[in-house]
PDB file of N, CA and C in Angstrom:
ATOM      1  N   MET A   1      40.498   1.805 104.860  1.00  0.00           N
ATOM      2  CA  MET A   1      39.505   2.206 103.059  1.00  0.00           C
ATOM      3  C   MET A   1      38.982   1.035 102.402  1.00  0.00           C
ATOM      4  N   ALA A   2      39.297  -0.059 103.713  1.00  0.00           N
ATOM      5  CA  ALA A   2      38.369  -1.186 103.462  1.00  0.00           C
ATOM      6  C   ALA A   2      37.609  -1.366 103.978  1.00  0.00           C
ATOM      7  N   SER A   3      37.468  -0.693 104.904  1.00  0.00           N
ATOM      8  CA  SER A   3      35.783  -0.569 105.758  1.00  0.00           C
ATOM      9  C   SER A   3      35.249   0.492 104.981  1.00  0.00           C
ATOM     10  N   TYR A   4      35.490   2.179 104.628  1.00  0.00           N
ATOM     11  CA  TYR A   4      34.675   3.005 103.967  1.00  0.00           C
ATOM     12  C   TYR A   4      35.062   3.209 103.008  1.00  0.00           C
ATOM     13  N   ASP A   5      35.306   3.044 101.960  1.00  0.00           N
ATOM     14  CA  ASP A   5      35.901   3.204 100.551  1.00  0.00           C
ATOM     15  C   ASP A   5      35.856   2.190  99.779  1.00  0.00           C
ATOM     16  N   GLY A   6      34.900   1.357  99.208  1.00  0.00           N
ATOM     17  CA  GLY A   6      34.835   0.152  98.472  1.00  0.00           C
ATOM     18  C   GLY A   6      35.763   0.543  97.085  1.00  0.00           C
ATOM     19  N   ASP A   7      35.659   1.906  96.507  1.00  0.00           N
ATOM     20  CA  ASP A   7      36.348   2.247  95.437  1.00  0.00           C
ATOM     21  C   ASP A   7      37.729   1.911  95.474  1.00  0.00           C
ATOM     22  N   THR A   8      37.852   2.695  96.671  1.00  0.00           N
ATOM     23  CA  THR A   8      39.597   2.645  96.214  1.00  0.00           C
ATOM     24  C   THR A   8      40.033   2.024  97.211  1.00  0.00           C
ATOM     25  N   PHE A   9      39.228   0.701  97.613  1.00  0.00           N
ATOM     26  CA  PHE A   9      39.845  -0.867  98.451  1.00  0.00           C
ATOM     27  C   PHE A   9      40.164  -1.454  97.157  1.00  0.00           C
ATOM     28  N   ARG A  10      38.824  -1.777  95.856  1.00  0.00           N
ATOM     29  CA  ARG A  10      38.745  -2.764  94.670  1.00  0.00           C
ATOM     30  C   ARG A  10      40.124  -1.906  94.331  1.00  0.00           C
ATOM     31  N   ARG A  11      40.496  -0.833  93.676  1.00  0.00           N
ATOM     32  CA  ARG A  11      41.635  -0.172  93.309  1.00  0.00           C
ATOM     33  C   ARG A  11      42.388  -1.269  93.673  1.00  0.00           C
ATOM     34  N   PHE A  12      42.996  -0.681  95.473  1.00  0.00           N
ATOM     35  CA  PHE A  12      44.185  -1.676  96.123  1.00  0.00           C
ATOM     36  C   PHE A  12      43.952  -3.032  95.602  1.00  0.00           C
ATOM     37  N   VAL A  13      42.883  -3.455  95.930  1.00  0.00           N
ATOM     38  CA  VAL A  13      42.900  -4.695  95.865  1.00  0.00           C
ATOM     39  C   VAL A  13      43.505  -5.315  94.529  1.00  0.00           C
ATOM     40  N   LEU A  14      43.143  -4.583  93.736  1.00  0.00           N
ATOM     41  CA  LEU A  14      43.685  -4.769  91.748  1.00  0.00           C
ATOM     42  C   LEU A  14      44.459  -4.272  91.892  1.00  0.00           C
ATOM     43  N   SER A  15      45.438  -4.232  92.271  1.00  0.00           N
ATOM     44  CA  SER A  15      46.550  -3.175  92.009  1.00  0.00           C
ATOM     45  C   SER A  15      47.861  -4.116  91.696  1.00  0.00           C
ATOM     46  N   ASP A  16      48.778  -3.647  91.024  1.00  0.00           N
ATOM     47  CA  ASP A  16      49.949  -4.889  90.618  1.00  0.00           C
ATOM     48  C   ASP A  16      50.499  -4.935  91.856  1.00  0.00           C
ATOM     49  N   ASN A  17      50.535  -4.500  92.755  1.00  0.00           N
ATOM     50  CA  ASN A  17      51.333  -4.997  93.959  1.00  0.00           C
ATOM     51  C   ASN A  17      50.974  -5.431  95.253  1.00  0.00           C
ATOM     52  N   PHE A  18      49.388  -5.204  94.847  1.00  0.00           N
ATOM     53  CA  PHE A  18      48.529  -6.348  95.826  1.00  0.00           C
ATOM     54  C   PHE A  18      49.080  -7.815  95.092  1.00  0.00           C
ATOM     55  N   ARG A  19      48.738  -7.611  93.927  1.00  0.00           N
ATOM     56  CA  ARG A  19      48.573  -9.088  93.176  1.00  0.00           C
ATOM     57  C   ARG A  19      50.484  -9.347  93.417  1.00  0.00           C
ATOM     58  N   ASN A  20      51.269  -8.622  93.109  1.00  0.00           N
ATOM     59  CA  ASN A  20      51.879  -9.294  93.622  1.00  0.00           C
ATOM     60  C   ASN A  20      53.083  -9.860  95.484  1.00  0.00           C
ATOM     61  N   THR A  21      51.557  -9.381  96.489  1.00  0.00           N
ATOM     62  CA  THR A  21      52.018  -9.731  97.364  1.00  0.00           C
ATOM     63  C   THR A  21      51.474 -10.568  97.631  1.00  0.00           C
ATOM     64  N   TYR A  22      49.598 -10.929  97.489  1.00  0.00           N
ATOM     65  CA  TYR A  22      49.353 -12.566  98.096  1.00  0.00           C
ATOM     66  C   TYR A  22      48.736 -13.539  96.819  1.00  0.00           C
ATOM     67  N   THR A  23      48.984 -14.800  97.564  1.00  0.00           N
ATOM     68  CA  THR A  23      48.996 -15.006  96.485  1.00  0.00           C
ATOM     69  C   THR A  23      47.354 -16.057  96.079  1.00  0.00           C
ATOM     70  N   LEU A  24      46.686 -14.899  95.271  1.00  0.00           N
ATOM     71  CA  LEU A  24      45.018 -14.956  95.143  1.00  0.00           C
ATOM     72  C   LEU A  24      44.598 -15.788  93.507  1.00  0.00           C
ATOM     73  N   PRO A  25      44.029 -16.574  93.270  1.00  0.00           N
ATOM     74  CA  PRO A  25      43.364 -16.790  92.231  1.00  0.00           C
ATOM     75  C   PRO A  25      42.775 -16.269  90.513  1.00  0.00           C
ATOM     76  N   ALA A  26      43.109 -16.014  89.483  1.00  0.00           N
ATOM     77  CA  ALA A  26      42.569 -15.249  88.384  1.00  0.00           C
ATOM     78  C   ALA A  26      41.010 -14.840  89.162  1.00  0.00           C
ATOM     79  N   GLU A  27      40.398 -15.941  89.104  1.00  0.00           N
ATOM     80  CA  GLU A  27      38.575 -16.083  89.686  1.00  0.00           C
ATOM     81  C   GLU A  27      38.999 -14.976  90.653  1.00  0.00           C
ATOM     82  N   PHE A  28      40.008 -14.829  91.889  1.00  0.00           N
ATOM     83  CA  PHE A  28      39.003 -14.113  92.472  1.00  0.00           C
ATOM     84  C   PHE A  28      39.107 -12.678  92.626  1.00  0.00           C
ATOM     85  N   TYR A  29      40.100 -12.415  91.324  1.00  0.00           N
ATOM     86  CA  TYR A  29      40.153 -10.615  90.922  1.00  0.00           C
ATOM     87  C   TYR A  29      39.035  -9.992  90.027  1.00  0.00           C
ATOM     88  N   THR A  30      38.589 -11.344  89.072  1.00  0.00           N
ATOM     89  CA  THR A  30      37.150 -11.048  88.101  1.00  0.00           C
ATOM     90  C   THR A  30      36.135 -10.638  88.957  1.00  0.00           C
ATOM     91  N   GLU A  31      36.229 -12.064  90.213  1.00  0.00           N
ATOM     92  CA  GLU A  31      35.015 -11.213  91.257  1.00  0.00           C
ATOM     93  C   GLU A  31      35.008 -10.343  91.660  1.00  0.00           C
ATOM     94  N   ILE A  32      35.895  -9.705  92.616  1.00  0.00           N
ATOM     95  CA  ILE A  32      36.084  -8.478  92.708  1.00  0.00           C
ATOM     96  C   ILE A  32      36.264  -7.594  92.181  1.00  0.00           C
ATOM     97  N   GLU A  33      36.511  -7.625  91.441  1.00  0.00           N
ATOM     98  CA  GLU A  33      36.195  -6.653  89.949  1.00  0.00           C
ATOM     99  C   GLU A  33      34.658  -6.527  89.860  1.00  0.00           C
ATOM    100  N   GLN A  34      34.100  -7.304  89.849  1.00  0.00           N
ATOM    101  CA  GLN A  34      32.132  -7.519  89.423  1.00  0.00           C
ATOM    102  C   GLN A  34      31.319  -7.418  90.558  1.00  0.00           C
ATOM    103  N   ASP A  35      31.774  -7.478  91.765  1.00  0.00           N
ATOM    104  CA  ASP A  35      30.348  -7.773  92.717  1.00  0.00           C
ATOM    105  C   ASP A  35      30.765  -7.343  94.238  1.00  0.00           C
ATOM    106  N   ASP A  36      29.941  -6.163  94.191  1.00  0.00           N
ATOM    107  CA  ASP A  36      30.752  -5.786  95.526  1.00  0.00           C
ATOM    108  C   ASP A  36      30.800  -6.253  96.516  1.00  0.00           C
ATOM    109  N   GLU A  37      29.305  -7.739  96.669  1.00  0.00           N
ATOM    110  CA  GLU A  37      28.841  -8.315  98.307  1.00  0.00           C
ATOM    111  C   GLU A  37      30.397  -9.350  98.231  1.00  0.00           C
ATOM    112  N   THR A  38      31.254  -9.523  96.902  1.00  0.00           N
ATOM    113  CA  THR A  38      32.226 -10.623  97.504  1.00  0.00           C
ATOM    114  C   THR A  38      33.783  -9.768  98.219  1.00  0.00           C
ATOM    115  N   LEU A  39      33.825  -7.797  97.116  1.00  0.00           N
ATOM    116  CA  LEU A  39      34.547  -6.859  97.875  1.00  0.00           C
ATOM    117  C   LEU A  39      34.323  -6.499  99.467  1.00  0.00           C
ATOM    118  N   LEU A  40      32.952  -6.785 100.053  1.00  0.00           N
ATOM    119  CA  LEU A  40      32.727  -6.123 101.147  1.00  0.00           C
ATOM    120  C   LEU A  40      33.437  -7.564 101.979  1.00  0.00           C
ATOM    121  N   GLU A  41      32.804  -8.632 101.999  1.00  0.00           N
ATOM    122  CA  GLU A  41      33.476  -9.427 102.432  1.00  0.00           C
ATOM    123  C   GLU A  41      35.084 -10.199 102.421  1.00  0.00           C
ATOM    124  N   PHE A  42      35.441  -9.700 101.083  1.00  0.00           N
ATOM    125  CA  PHE A  42      37.301 -10.040 101.923  1.00  0.00           C
ATOM    126  C   PHE A  42      37.758  -9.019 102.526  1.00  0.00           C
ATOM    127  N   SER A  43      37.193  -7.463 102.112  1.00  0.00           N
ATOM    128  CA  SER A  43      37.325  -6.628 103.194  1.00  0.00           C
ATOM    129  C   SER A  43      37.502  -6.748 104.401  1.00  0.00           C
ATOM    130  N   TYR A  44      36.380  -7.888 104.865  1.00  0.00           N
ATOM    131  CA  TYR A  44      36.530  -7.962 106.223  1.00  0.00           C
ATOM    132  C   TYR A  44      37.641  -9.016 106.987  1.00  0.00           C
ATOM    133  N   ARG A  45      37.780  -9.889 105.563  1.00  0.00           N
ATOM    134  CA  ARG A  45      38.784 -10.928 105.786  1.00  0.00           C
ATOM    135  C   ARG A  45      40.314 -10.565 106.226  1.00  0.00           C
ATOM    136  N   PHE A  46      40.666  -9.050 105.302  1.00  0.00           N
ATOM    137  CA  PHE A  46      41.299  -8.770 104.869  1.00  0.00           C
ATOM    138  C   PHE A  46      42.125  -8.135 106.518  1.00  0.00           C
ATOM    139  N   LEU A  47      40.978  -7.410 106.958  1.00  0.00           N
ATOM    140  CA  LEU A  47      40.583  -6.830 107.976  1.00  0.00           C
ATOM    141  C   LEU A  47      41.609  -7.416 108.837  1.00  0.00           C
ATOM    142  N   ARG A  48      40.288  -9.124 108.853  1.00  0.00           N
ATOM    143  CA  ARG A  48      40.812  -9.131 110.797  1.00  0.00           C
ATOM    144  C   ARG A  48      42.539  -9.895 110.130  1.00  0.00           C
ATOM    145  N   GLN A  49      42.898  -9.846 108.693  1.00  0.00           N
ATOM    146  CA  GLN A  49      44.512 -10.260 109.018  1.00  0.00           C
ATOM    147  C   GLN A  49      45.576  -9.281 109.257  1.00  0.00           C
ATOM    148  N   VAL A  50      44.966  -8.131 108.557  1.00  0.00           N
ATOM    149  CA  VAL A  50      46.360  -7.429 108.930  1.00  0.00           C
ATOM    150  C   VAL A  50      45.867  -6.809 110.812  1.00  0.00           C
ATOM    151  N   LEU A  51      44.724  -6.721 111.012  1.00  0.00           N
ATOM    152  CA  LEU A  51      44.586  -6.097 112.471  1.00  0.00           C
ATOM    153  C   LEU A  51      44.971  -6.906 113.483  1.00  0.00           C
ATOM    154  N   PHE A  52      45.251  -8.166 113.450  1.00  0.00           N
ATOM    155  CA  PHE A  52      44.714  -9.337 114.444  1.00  0.00           C
ATOM    156  C   PHE A  52      45.476 -10.430 114.275  1.00  0.00           C
ATOM    157  N   GLY A  53      46.342 -10.696 112.722  1.00  0.00           N
ATOM    158  CA  GLY A  53      46.886 -11.773 112.181  1.00  0.00           C
ATOM    159  C   GLY A  53      46.446 -12.823 112.536  1.00  0.00           C
ATOM    160  N   GLU A  54      44.853 -12.987 111.635  1.00  0.00           N
ATOM    161  CA  GLU A  54      44.430 -14.126 111.235  1.00  0.00           C
ATOM    162  C   GLU A  54      45.151 -14.360 109.540  1.00  0.00           C
ATOM    163  N   ARG A  55      45.725 -15.287 109.807  1.00  0.00           N
ATOM    164  CA  ARG A  55      46.529 -15.548 108.469  1.00  0.00           C
ATOM    165  C   ARG A  55      45.841 -16.801 107.335  1.00  0.00           C
ATOM    166  N   THR A  56      44.768 -15.880 106.790  1.00  0.00           N
ATOM    167  CA  THR A  56      43.847 -16.703 106.008  1.00  0.00           C
ATOM    168  C   THR A  56      44.117 -15.939 104.276  1.00  0.00           C
ATOM    169  N   ILE A  57      44.885 -14.733 103.764  1.00  0.00           N
ATOM    170  CA  ILE A  57      45.326 -14.831 102.698  1.00  0.00           C
ATOM    171  C   ILE A  57      46.981 -14.804 102.279  1.00  0.00           C
ATOM    172  N   GLN A  58      47.132 -15.714 101.972  1.00  0.00           N
ATOM    173  CA  GLN A  58      48.288 -16.395 102.285  1.00  0.00           C
ATOM    174  C   GLN A  58      49.253 -15.395 101.049  1.00  0.00           C
ATOM    175  N   GLU A  59      50.115 -14.815 101.585  1.00  0.00           N
ATOM    176  CA  GLU A  59      51.372 -14.524 100.650  1.00  0.00           C
ATOM    177  C   GLU A  59      52.288 -14.893 100.203  1.00  0.00           C
ATOM    178  N   MET A  60      52.817 -14.083  99.270  1.00  0.00           N
ATOM    179  CA  MET A  60      53.550 -15.057  98.065  1.00  0.00           C
ATOM    180  C   MET A  60      55.268 -14.858  99.859  1.00  0.00           C
ATOM    181  N   ALA A  61      55.632 -16.149  98.896  1.00  0.00           N
ATOM    182  CA  ALA A  61      57.462 -15.643  99.120  1.00  0.00           C
ATOM    183  C   ALA A  61      58.172 -14.626  99.480  1.00  0.00           C
ATOM    184  N   ASP A  62      58.555 -14.093 100.315  1.00  0.00           N
ATOM    185  CA  ASP A  62      59.780 -13.101 100.669  1.00  0.00           C
ATOM    186  C   ASP A  62      59.038 -11.507 100.039  1.00  0.00           C
ATOM    187  N   ALA A  63      57.488 -11.764  99.620  1.00  0.00           N
ATOM    188  CA  ALA A  63      56.788 -10.434  99.543  1.00  0.00           C
ATOM    189  C   ALA A  63      57.141  -8.851 100.273  1.00  0.00           C
ATOM    190  N   TRP A  64      57.233  -9.151 101.630  1.00  0.00           N
ATOM    191  CA  TRP A  64      58.171  -8.839 102.299  1.00  0.00           C
ATOM    192  C   TRP A  64      58.752  -7.613 102.306  1.00  0.00           C
ATOM    193  N   GLU A  65      59.818  -9.085 102.006  1.00  0.00           N
ATOM    194  CA  GLU A  65      61.062  -8.137 101.806  1.00  0.00           C
ATOM    195  C   GLU A  65      61.126  -7.855 100.657  1.00  0.00           C
ATOM    196  N   GLN A  66      61.070  -8.407  99.172  1.00  0.00           N
ATOM    197  CA  GLN A  66      61.132  -7.342  98.227  1.00  0.00           C
ATOM    198  C   GLN A  66      60.002  -6.119  98.411  1.00  0.00           C
ATOM    199  N   ARG A  67      58.815  -5.523  98.671  1.00  0.00           N
ATOM    200  CA  ARG A  67      58.483  -4.386  99.251  1.00  0.00           C
ATOM    201  C   ARG A  67      59.452  -3.636  99.311  1.00  0.00           C
ATOM    202  N   VAL A  68      59.835  -3.842 100.746  1.00  0.00           N
ATOM    203  CA  VAL A  68      61.161  -3.435 101.039  1.00  0.00           C
ATOM    204  C   VAL A  68      61.859  -2.715 100.438  1.00  0.00           C
ATOM    205  N   THR A  69      62.881  -3.809 100.122  1.00  0.00           N
ATOM    206  CA  THR A  69      63.865  -3.805  98.402  1.00  0.00           C
ATOM    207  C   THR A  69      63.418  -2.589  97.850  1.00  0.00           C
ATOM    208  N   GLN A  70      62.322  -1.933  97.381  1.00  0.00           N
ATOM    209  CA  GLN A  70      62.113  -1.764  96.012  1.00  0.00           C
ATOM    210  C   GLN A  70      61.057  -0.210  96.994  1.00  0.00           C
ATOM    211  N   ARG A  71      61.129  -0.538  98.088  1.00  0.00           N
ATOM    212  CA  ARG A  71      60.321   0.925  99.194  1.00  0.00           C
ATOM    213  C   ARG A  71      61.844   2.271  99.340  1.00  0.00           C
ATOM    214  N   GLN A  72      62.974   0.907  99.343  1.00  0.00           N
ATOM    215  CA  GLN A  72      64.086   2.346 100.265  1.00  0.00           C
ATOM    216  C   GLN A  72      64.479   2.954  99.787  1.00  0.00           C
ATOM    217  N   ASP A  73      64.040   3.712  98.118  1.00  0.00           N
ATOM    218  CA  ASP A  73      64.867   4.535  97.290  1.00  0.00           C
ATOM    219  C   ASP A  73      63.947   5.621  97.768  1.00  0.00           C
ATOM    220  N   VAL A  74      61.898   5.029  97.718  1.00  0.00           N
ATOM    221  CA  VAL A  74      61.326   6.178  97.836  1.00  0.00           C
ATOM    222  C   VAL A  74      61.687   6.766  99.607  1.00  0.00           C
ATOM    223  N   TRP A  75      61.695   5.629 100.500  1.00  0.00           N
ATOM    224  CA  TRP A  75      61.513   6.502 101.583  1.00  0.00           C
ATOM    225  C   TRP A  75      63.126   7.156 102.019  1.00  0.00           C
ATOM    226  N   GLU A  76      64.298   6.658 101.728  1.00  0.00           N
ATOM    227  CA  GLU A  76      65.081   7.258 101.796  1.00  0.00           C
ATOM    228  C   GLU A  76      65.024   9.716 100.785  1.00  0.00           C
ATOM    229  N   ALA A  77      64.446   9.087  99.566  1.00  0.00           N
ATOM    230  CA  ALA A  77      64.355  10.169  99.843  1.00  0.00           C
ATOM    231  C   ALA A  77      62.952  11.256  99.966  1.00  0.00           C
ATOM    232  N   ARG A  78      62.396  10.447 100.837  1.00  0.00           N
ATOM    233  CA  ARG A  78      61.393  11.165 101.770  1.00  0.00           C
ATOM    234  C   ARG A  78      61.947  11.189 102.990  1.00  0.00           C
ATOM    235  N   ARG A  79      62.631  10.983 103.488  1.00  0.00           N
ATOM    236  CA  ARG A  79      63.660  11.005 104.317  1.00  0.00           C
ATOM    237  C   ARG A  79      64.739  12.736 103.880  1.00  0.00           C
ATOM    238  N   GLN A  80      65.214  12.951 103.038  1.00  0.00           N
ATOM    239  CA  GLN A  80      66.177  13.996 102.918  1.00  0.00           C
ATOM    240  C   GLN A  80      64.857  15.083 102.456  1.00  0.00           C
ATOM    241  N   ILE A  81      63.867  15.052 102.029  1.00  0.00           N
ATOM    242  CA  ILE A  81      62.761  16.006 101.986  1.00  0.00           C
ATOM    243  C   ILE A  81      62.666  16.664 102.614  1.00  0.00           C
ATOM    244  N   GLU A  82      62.316  15.427 103.852  1.00  0.00           N
ATOM    245  CA  GLU A  82      62.163  16.103 105.129  1.00  0.00           C
ATOM    246  C   GLU A  82      63.064  17.079 106.248  1.00  0.00           C
ATOM    247  N   ILE A  83      64.378  16.395 105.971  1.00  0.00           N
ATOM    248  CA  ILE A  83      65.689  16.855 106.697  1.00  0.00           C
ATOM    249  C   ILE A  83      65.973  18.223 106.358  1.00  0.00           C
ATOM    250  N   GLU A  84      65.680  18.358 104.753  1.00  0.00           N
ATOM    251  CA  GLU A  84      65.453  19.542 103.845  1.00  0.00           C
ATOM    252  C   GLU A  84      64.961  20.592 104.506  1.00  0.00           C
ATOM    253  N   ARG A  85      63.617  20.300 104.803  1.00  0.00           N
ATOM    254  CA  ARG A  85      62.381  21.148 104.884  1.00  0.00           C
ATOM    255  C   ARG A  85      62.428  21.484 106.645  1.00  0.00           C
ATOM    256  N   ARG A  86      63.268  20.697 107.704  1.00  0.00           N
ATOM    257  CA  ARG A  86      63.036  21.134 108.478  1.00  0.00           C
ATOM    258  C   ARG A  86      64.701  22.347 108.392  1.00  0.00           C
ATOM    259  N   ALA A  87      65.200  22.122 107.728  1.00  0.00           N
ATOM    260  CA  ALA A  87      66.707  22.375 108.019  1.00  0.00           C
ATOM    261  C   ALA A  87      65.640  24.397 107.420  1.00  0.00           C
ATOM    262  N   ALA A  88      64.753  24.535 106.144  1.00  0.00           N
ATOM    263  CA  ALA A  88      64.869  24.971 105.322  1.00  0.00           C
ATOM    264  C   ALA A  88      63.709  26.376 106.358  1.00  0.00           C
ATOM    265  N   ALA A  89      63.025  24.994 107.728  1.00  0.00           N
ATOM    266  CA  ALA A  89      62.082  26.697 108.394  1.00  0.00           C
ATOM    267  C   ALA A  89      63.262  26.959 109.663  1.00  0.00           C
ATOM    268  N   GLU A  90      64.314  25.479 110.015  1.00  0.00           N
ATOM    269  CA  GLU A  90      65.209  26.319 110.558  1.00  0.00           C
ATOM    270  C   GLU A  90      65.676  28.159 110.597  1.00  0.00           C
ATOM    271  N   ASP A  91      66.141  27.624 109.335  1.00  0.00           N
ATOM    272  CA  ASP A  91      66.985  29.241 108.678  1.00  0.00           C
ATOM    273  C   ASP A  91      65.589  30.404 108.803  1.00  0.00           C
ATOM    274  N   GLU A  92      64.558  30.285 107.844  1.00  0.00           N
ATOM    275  CA  GLU A  92      63.163  30.911 108.137  1.00  0.00           C
ATOM    276  C   GLU A  92      62.674  31.145 109.609  1.00  0.00           C
ATOM    277  N   LYS A  93      62.806  30.380 110.589  1.00  0.00           N
ATOM    278  CA  LYS A  93      62.366  30.890 111.753  1.00  0.00           C
ATOM    279  C   LYS A  93      63.281  31.894 112.040  1.00  0.00           C
ATOM    280  N   TYR A  94      64.327  32.028 112.100  1.00  0.00           N
ATOM    281  CA  TYR A  94      65.850  32.506 112.746  1.00  0.00           C
ATOM    282  C   TYR A  94      65.607  34.288 111.512  1.00  0.00           C
ATOM    283  N   ARG A  95      65.566  34.099 110.544  1.00  0.00           N
ATOM    284  CA  ARG A  95      65.216  34.971 109.744  1.00  0.00           C
ATOM    285  C   ARG A  95      64.138  35.849 110.419  1.00  0.00           C
ATOM    286  N   ALA A  96      63.073  34.846 110.444  1.00  0.00           N
ATOM    287  CA  ALA A  96      61.684  35.863 111.044  1.00  0.00           C
ATOM    288  C   ALA A  96      61.826  36.286 111.664  1.00  0.00           C
ATOM    289  N   ASP A  97      62.825  36.112 112.762  1.00  0.00           N
ATOM    290  CA  ASP A  97      63.109  37.000 114.542  1.00  0.00           C
ATOM    291  C   ASP A  97      64.065  37.886 114.144  1.00  0.00           C
ATOM    292  N   GLY A  98      64.584  38.484 112.762  1.00  0.00           N
ATOM    293  CA  GLY A  98      65.132  39.240 112.784  1.00  0.00           C
ATOM    294  C   GLY A  98      66.777  39.179 113.337  1.00  0.00           C
ATOM    295  N   ASN A  99      67.429  37.759 113.108  1.00  0.00           N
ATOM    296  CA  ASN A  99      68.234  37.881 113.952  1.00  0.00           C
ATOM    297  C   ASN A  99      68.963  37.546 112.253  1.00  0.00           C
ATOM    298  N   ASP A 100      70.541  37.444 112.335  1.00  0.00           N
ATOM    299  CA  ASP A 100      71.561  37.154 111.119  1.00  0.00           C
ATOM    300  C   ASP A 100      71.711  35.540 111.288  1.00  0.00           C
ATOM    301  N   ASP A 101      72.796  35.155 110.477  1.00  0.00           N
ATOM    302  CA  ASP A 101      73.006  34.042 110.756  1.00  0.00           C
ATOM    303  C   ASP A 101      73.712  33.418 111.681  1.00  0.00           C
ATOM    304  N   CYS A 102      74.286  33.799 112.194  1.00  0.00           N
ATOM    305  CA  CYS A 102      74.761  33.428 113.051  1.00  0.00           C
ATOM    306  C   CYS A 102      74.101  33.997 114.753  1.00  0.00           C
ATOM    307  N   GLY A 103      72.999  33.888 115.228  1.00  0.00           N
ATOM    308  CA  GLY A 103      71.809  33.452 115.891  1.00  0.00           C
ATOM    309  C   GLY A 103      72.526  35.037 116.861  1.00  0.00           C
ATOM    310  N   CYS A 104      73.159  36.291 116.319  1.00  0.00           N
ATOM    311  CA  CYS A 104      73.392  37.376 117.043  1.00  0.00           C
ATOM    312  C   CYS A 104      72.032  38.240 117.422  1.00  0.00           C
ATOM    313  N   ALA A 105      71.520  38.743 117.977  1.00  0.00           N
ATOM    314  CA  ALA A 105      70.775  40.365 117.886  1.00  0.00           C
ATOM    315  C   ALA A 105      71.152  40.865 117.222  1.00  0.00           C
ATOM    316  N   GLY A 106      69.777  41.610 115.848  1.00  0.00           N
ATOM    317  CA  GLY A 106      70.335  42.509 115.164  1.00  0.00           C
ATOM    318  C   GLY A 106      70.750  43.479 115.046  1.00  0.00           C
TER     319      GLY A 106
END
C-alpha cells in the first residue's frame, strides 16, 4: 500500500487508528493530506520502520497493547466464524459423498 497505492496509504495515515498509534504533529497530517511528494517521502520512512526496524516515527506509549486489547473481540469473532465455516465444510463434504452423519456408507 505504501509503495503502490498512495491514495489508500494517505487514508491509512490520516485515519484515527494511525493518529492514535504514532506521535506526529498536526502540521504533518495537513501536509500529508495536500502534498503527494511529502506522502511519498513519508511512505519510504514508514516502510523502513516496518520492514527494517528503523525507529524514526515515534509511537505512542502502549499503542500496541491498546490496539491488541481493542482488536481481541474482532479476532475472537473471526476465529469463531472460521471454526463454524470449517465445520460446515466438513459436514457438506460428507453429505456430498453420499454418507450419512455417522460416516457409514449409505
